[in-house]
Amino acid sequence: MAEQRRVFTKEFKQEAVRLSNESGKHINRVAVELGVPRSRLTRWRAEAAADVTEAFRGNGKRTAEQERIRQLEREVERLKQERAILKKSWALSRNRSRAVSADREA
């Protein structure tokens, strides 16, 4: 039977990082005491060091910058669709005006 994946809270991760940074113990020792792999603790430390305010957001939670990029990408897509519609309507109206002027000449 597959082993269930352990989930750690944001508070646990923050405390683990604090302990590994401030306790004076080697990172391996802290990891063993907490019961987490050293590589995971190392990754948590790197994440916390990169951006303290945005560290340990959780799955699916974007940073403010990522959310802004997502909004802008959606707006660009909407504007592309609007532009395509306008191009088609312009082409149709141009064809109609040519047809009308051709009828007048005939």
N, C-alpha and C. Protein backbone atom coordinates (compact mmCIF):
# COMPACT_ATOMS: atom_id res chain seq x y z
N MET A 1 0.83 -1.18 0.00
CA MET A 1 0.00 0.00 0.00
C MET A 1 0.88 1.25 0.00
N ALA A 2 0.50 2.24 -0.76
CA ALA A 2 1.29 3.47 -0.89
C ALA A 2 1.26 4.27 0.41
N GLU A 3 2.42 4.83 0.71
CA GLU A 3 2.53 5.65 1.90
C GLU A 3 1.93 7.03 1.61
N GLN A 4 1.12 7.54 2.55
CA GLN A 4 0.50 8.84 2.34
C GLN A 4 1.52 9.96 2.50
N ARG A 5 1.44 10.93 1.65
CA ARG A 5 2.36 12.06 1.65
C ARG A 5 2.10 12.94 2.87
N ARG A 6 3.17 13.32 3.54
CA ARG A 6 3.04 14.18 4.72
C ARG A 6 2.86 15.62 4.29
N VAL A 7 2.00 16.32 4.98
CA VAL A 7 1.75 17.72 4.71
C VAL A 7 2.17 18.52 5.93
N PHE A 8 2.95 19.58 5.71
CA PHE A 8 3.44 20.40 6.80
C PHE A 8 2.80 21.78 6.73
N THR A 9 2.42 22.31 7.86
CA THR A 9 1.81 23.63 7.90
C THR A 9 2.86 24.71 7.68
N LYS A 10 2.38 25.88 7.34
CA LYS A 10 3.26 27.02 7.15
C LYS A 10 4.02 27.32 8.44
N GLU A 11 3.34 27.23 9.57
CA GLU A 11 3.95 27.51 10.87
C GLU A 11 5.06 26.51 11.18
N PHE A 12 4.83 25.23 10.87
CA PHE A 12 5.85 24.21 11.10
C PHE A 12 7.09 24.51 10.27
N LYS A 13 6.88 24.85 9.02
CA LYS A 13 8.00 25.16 8.13
C LYS A 13 8.78 26.37 8.64
N GLN A 14 8.06 27.40 9.05
CA GLN A 14 8.73 28.60 9.57
C GLN A 14 9.54 28.28 10.82
N GLU A 15 8.98 27.48 11.70
CA GLU A 15 9.68 27.12 12.93
C GLU A 15 10.90 26.24 12.62
N ALA A 16 10.76 25.33 11.66
CA ALA A 16 11.88 24.48 11.27
C ALA A 16 13.02 25.32 10.71
N VAL A 17 12.68 26.30 9.88
CA VAL A 17 13.69 27.18 9.31
C VAL A 17 14.36 27.99 10.42
N ARG A 18 13.56 28.51 11.33
CA ARG A 18 14.11 29.29 12.44
C ARG A 18 15.06 28.45 13.28
N LEU A 19 14.65 27.22 13.59
CA LEU A 19 15.51 26.33 14.39
C LEU A 19 16.82 26.02 13.66
N SER A 20 16.72 25.75 12.36
CA SER A 20 17.94 25.39 11.63
C SER A 20 18.88 26.58 11.49
N ASN A 21 18.34 27.78 11.49
CA ASN A 21 19.17 28.98 11.35
C ASN A 21 19.74 29.45 12.69
N GLU A 22 18.96 29.32 13.76
CA GLU A 22 19.33 29.95 15.02
C GLU A 22 19.82 29.01 16.11
N SER A 23 19.61 27.72 15.97
CA SER A 23 19.95 26.80 17.05
C SER A 23 21.43 26.53 17.18
N GLY A 24 22.18 26.77 16.13
CA GLY A 24 23.61 26.48 16.16
C GLY A 24 23.91 25.01 15.86
N LYS A 25 22.85 24.22 15.67
CA LYS A 25 23.03 22.81 15.33
C LYS A 25 23.17 22.68 13.82
N HIS A 26 23.81 21.59 13.42
CA HIS A 26 23.96 21.30 12.00
C HIS A 26 22.58 21.00 11.41
N ILE A 27 22.40 21.34 10.14
CA ILE A 27 21.10 21.16 9.49
C ILE A 27 20.65 19.70 9.50
N ASN A 28 21.61 18.77 9.39
CA ASN A 28 21.27 17.34 9.44
C ASN A 28 20.64 16.98 10.78
N ARG A 29 21.21 17.51 11.85
CA ARG A 29 20.71 17.22 13.20
C ARG A 29 19.30 17.76 13.40
N VAL A 30 19.08 18.99 12.95
CA VAL A 30 17.74 19.59 13.07
C VAL A 30 16.73 18.79 12.26
N ALA A 31 17.11 18.39 11.05
CA ALA A 31 16.20 17.61 10.20
C ALA A 31 15.81 16.29 10.87
N VAL A 32 16.79 15.61 11.46
CA VAL A 32 16.50 14.34 12.15
C VAL A 32 15.58 14.58 13.33
N GLU A 33 15.85 15.62 14.11
CA GLU A 33 15.02 15.92 15.28
C GLU A 33 13.58 16.23 14.90
N LEU A 34 13.40 16.90 13.74
CA LEU A 34 12.06 17.24 13.29
C LEU A 34 11.39 16.13 12.50
N GLY A 35 12.18 15.15 12.07
CA GLY A 35 11.63 14.04 11.31
C GLY A 35 11.34 14.37 9.86
N VAL A 36 12.13 15.27 9.30
CA VAL A 36 11.98 15.62 7.89
C VAL A 36 13.30 15.37 7.17
N PRO A 37 13.25 15.09 5.89
CA PRO A 37 14.50 14.90 5.14
C PRO A 37 15.30 16.20 5.08
N ARG A 38 16.63 16.07 5.11
CA ARG A 38 17.49 17.24 5.08
C ARG A 38 17.25 18.07 3.83
N SER A 39 17.01 17.39 2.70
CA SER A 39 16.79 18.11 1.43
C SER A 39 15.54 18.99 1.51
N ARG A 40 14.53 18.51 2.19
CA ARG A 40 13.30 19.30 2.33
C ARG A 40 13.55 20.52 3.21
N LEU A 41 14.28 20.34 4.29
CA LEU A 41 14.61 21.46 5.17
C LEU A 41 15.47 22.48 4.43
N THR A 42 16.39 21.99 3.62
CA THR A 42 17.23 22.88 2.81
C THR A 42 16.37 23.68 1.85
N ARG A 43 15.41 23.04 1.22
CA ARG A 43 14.51 23.71 0.28
C ARG A 43 13.67 24.77 1.00
N TRP A 44 13.19 24.45 2.21
CA TRP A 44 12.41 25.41 2.98
C TRP A 44 13.26 26.63 3.34
N ARG A 45 14.52 26.38 3.70
CA ARG A 45 15.42 27.50 4.04
C ARG A 45 15.64 28.39 2.83
N ALA A 46 15.83 27.80 1.67
CA ALA A 46 16.04 28.58 0.44
C ALA A 46 14.79 29.39 0.10
N GLU A 47 13.63 28.78 0.26
CA GLU A 47 12.37 29.48 -0.04
C GLU A 47 12.17 30.65 0.91
N ALA A 48 12.46 30.43 2.18
CA ALA A 48 12.32 31.50 3.17
C ALA A 48 13.32 32.62 2.92
N ALA A 49 14.52 32.27 2.52
CA ALA A 49 15.55 33.28 2.26
C ALA A 49 15.24 34.09 1.01
N ALA A 50 14.61 33.47 0.03
CA ALA A 50 14.31 34.15 -1.22
C ALA A 50 13.27 35.25 -1.03
N ASP A 51 12.23 34.96 -0.28
CA ASP A 51 11.17 35.95 -0.09
C ASP A 51 10.41 35.63 1.19
N VAL A 52 10.75 36.31 2.25
CA VAL A 52 10.18 36.02 3.56
C VAL A 52 8.67 36.20 3.57
N THR A 53 8.16 37.25 2.93
CA THR A 53 6.73 37.52 2.98
C THR A 53 5.92 36.53 2.16
N GLU A 54 6.50 35.99 1.10
CA GLU A 54 5.76 35.08 0.21
C GLU A 54 6.14 33.61 0.42
N ALA A 55 6.96 33.31 1.38
CA ALA A 55 7.40 31.93 1.59
C ALA A 55 6.25 31.06 2.08
N PHE A 56 6.22 29.83 1.62
CA PHE A 56 5.27 28.81 2.07
C PHE A 56 3.81 29.22 1.81
N ARG A 57 3.53 29.63 0.59
CA ARG A 57 2.18 30.05 0.23
C ARG A 57 1.21 28.89 0.19
N GLY A 58 1.68 27.73 -0.17
CA GLY A 58 0.80 26.59 -0.32
C GLY A 58 0.50 26.35 -1.79
N ASN A 59 -0.14 25.24 -2.08
CA ASN A 59 -0.43 24.86 -3.46
C ASN A 59 -1.47 25.78 -4.08
N GLY A 60 -1.18 26.23 -5.28
CA GLY A 60 -2.15 27.02 -6.02
C GLY A 60 -2.22 28.48 -5.64
N LYS A 61 -1.49 28.90 -4.65
CA LYS A 61 -1.55 30.30 -4.23
C LYS A 61 -0.40 31.05 -4.89
N ARG A 62 -0.77 32.03 -5.67
CA ARG A 62 0.22 32.78 -6.43
C ARG A 62 0.72 33.98 -5.64
N THR A 63 1.91 34.42 -6.01
CA THR A 63 2.42 35.66 -5.46
C THR A 63 1.65 36.80 -6.13
N ALA A 64 1.77 38.00 -5.58
CA ALA A 64 1.08 39.15 -6.17
C ALA A 64 1.56 39.38 -7.60
N GLU A 65 2.84 39.19 -7.82
CA GLU A 65 3.41 39.37 -9.16
C GLU A 65 2.86 38.32 -10.13
N GLN A 66 2.79 37.07 -9.69
CA GLN A 66 2.26 36.02 -10.55
C GLN A 66 0.79 36.27 -10.88
N GLU A 67 0.04 36.75 -9.90
CA GLU A 67 -1.38 37.04 -10.12
C GLU A 67 -1.54 38.19 -11.12
N ARG A 68 -0.70 39.21 -11.01
CA ARG A 68 -0.75 40.34 -11.94
C ARG A 68 -0.42 39.87 -13.36
N ILE A 69 0.58 39.02 -13.50
CA ILE A 69 0.94 38.47 -14.81
C ILE A 69 -0.24 37.69 -15.39
N ARG A 70 -0.89 36.91 -14.56
CA ARG A 70 -2.03 36.11 -15.01
C ARG A 70 -3.16 37.03 -15.51
N GLN A 71 -3.44 38.10 -14.77
CA GLN A 71 -4.48 39.04 -15.18
C GLN A 71 -4.12 39.70 -16.51
N LEU A 72 -2.87 40.10 -16.65
CA LEU A 72 -2.44 40.75 -17.89
C LEU A 72 -2.50 39.80 -19.08
N GLU A 73 -2.15 38.53 -18.87
CA GLU A 73 -2.24 37.55 -19.94
C GLU A 73 -3.68 37.34 -20.38
N ARG A 74 -4.61 37.32 -19.41
CA ARG A 74 -6.03 37.19 -19.76
C ARG A 74 -6.50 38.42 -20.55
N GLU A 75 -6.07 39.60 -20.13
CA GLU A 75 -6.45 40.82 -20.84
C GLU A 75 -5.90 40.84 -22.26
N VAL A 76 -4.66 40.41 -22.43
CA VAL A 76 -4.07 40.34 -23.77
C VAL A 76 -4.88 39.39 -24.65
N GLU A 77 -5.26 38.25 -24.11
CA GLU A 77 -6.05 37.29 -24.88
C GLU A 77 -7.40 37.89 -25.28
N ARG A 78 -8.05 38.58 -24.37
CA ARG A 78 -9.34 39.21 -24.65
C ARG A 78 -9.18 40.28 -25.74
N LEU A 79 -8.13 41.07 -25.65
CA LEU A 79 -7.89 42.11 -26.65
C LEU A 79 -7.58 41.51 -28.02
N LYS A 80 -6.88 40.40 -28.05
CA LYS A 80 -6.62 39.72 -29.33
C LYS A 80 -7.92 39.26 -29.97
N GLN A 81 -8.82 38.72 -29.14
CA GLN A 81 -10.11 38.28 -29.66
C GLN A 81 -10.92 39.46 -30.20
N GLU A 82 -10.92 40.57 -29.45
CA GLU A 82 -11.63 41.77 -29.90
C GLU A 82 -11.05 42.28 -31.22
N ARG A 83 -9.75 42.28 -31.32
CA ARG A 83 -9.08 42.74 -32.54
C ARG A 83 -9.46 41.87 -33.73
N ALA A 84 -9.49 40.55 -33.51
CA ALA A 84 -9.86 39.64 -34.59
C ALA A 84 -11.29 39.90 -35.05
N ILE A 85 -12.19 40.16 -34.12
CA ILE A 85 -13.58 40.45 -34.47
C ILE A 85 -13.66 41.75 -35.27
N LEU A 86 -12.95 42.76 -34.84
CA LEU A 86 -12.96 44.04 -35.54
C LEU A 86 -12.36 43.92 -36.95
N LYS A 87 -11.31 43.12 -37.09
CA LYS A 87 -10.71 42.92 -38.41
C LYS A 87 -11.71 42.25 -39.35
N LYS A 88 -12.43 41.26 -38.84
CA LYS A 88 -13.42 40.56 -39.67
C LYS A 88 -14.55 41.49 -40.06
N SER A 89 -15.04 42.28 -39.11
CA SER A 89 -16.14 43.19 -39.43
C SER A 89 -15.69 44.27 -40.40
N TRP A 90 -14.46 44.73 -40.26
CA TRP A 90 -13.93 45.73 -41.19
C TRP A 90 -13.85 45.14 -42.60
N ALA A 91 -13.35 43.91 -42.68
CA ALA A 91 -13.24 43.25 -43.98
C ALA A 91 -14.61 43.05 -44.61
N LEU A 92 -15.59 42.67 -43.81
CA LEU A 92 -16.95 42.47 -44.33
C LEU A 92 -17.55 43.78 -44.82
N SER A 93 -17.39 44.85 -44.05
CA SER A 93 -17.94 46.15 -44.45
C SER A 93 -17.24 46.67 -45.70
N ARG A 94 -15.98 46.42 -45.83
CA ARG A 94 -15.22 46.84 -47.01
C ARG A 94 -15.72 46.10 -48.25
N ASN A 95 -15.95 44.78 -48.09
CA ASN A 95 -16.46 43.99 -49.21
C ASN A 95 -17.86 44.45 -49.61
N ARG A 96 -18.68 44.80 -48.65
CA ARG A 96 -20.03 45.28 -48.93
C ARG A 96 -19.97 46.61 -49.69
N SER A 97 -19.09 47.49 -49.25
CA SER A 97 -19.01 48.80 -49.92
C SER A 97 -18.50 48.63 -51.35
N ARG A 98 -17.62 47.69 -51.57
CA ARG A 98 -17.15 47.42 -52.95
C ARG A 98 -18.29 46.88 -53.79
N ALA A 99 -19.09 45.99 -53.20
CA ALA A 99 -20.21 45.41 -53.92
C ALA A 99 -21.24 46.49 -54.26
N VAL A 100 -21.49 47.41 -53.36
CA VAL A 100 -22.46 48.49 -53.58
C VAL A 100 -21.94 49.41 -54.67
N SER A 101 -20.69 49.78 -54.62
CA SER A 101 -20.12 50.68 -55.65
C SER A 101 -20.08 49.99 -57.00
N ALA A 102 -19.86 48.69 -57.03
CA ALA A 102 -19.86 47.94 -58.28
C ALA A 102 -21.27 47.91 -58.87
N ASP A 103 -22.28 47.80 -58.00
CA ASP A 103 -23.67 47.80 -58.46
C ASP A 103 -24.02 49.17 -59.04
N ARG A 104 -23.54 50.23 -58.44
CA ARG A 104 -23.83 51.59 -58.89
C ARG A 104 -23.19 51.85 -60.26
N GLU A 105 -22.02 51.27 -60.46
CA GLU A 105 -21.33 51.47 -61.73
C GLU A 105 -22.01 50.70 -62.85
N ALA A 106 -22.64 49.61 -62.50
CA ALA A 106 -23.25 48.77 -63.55
C ALA A 106 -24.54 49.31 -64.07
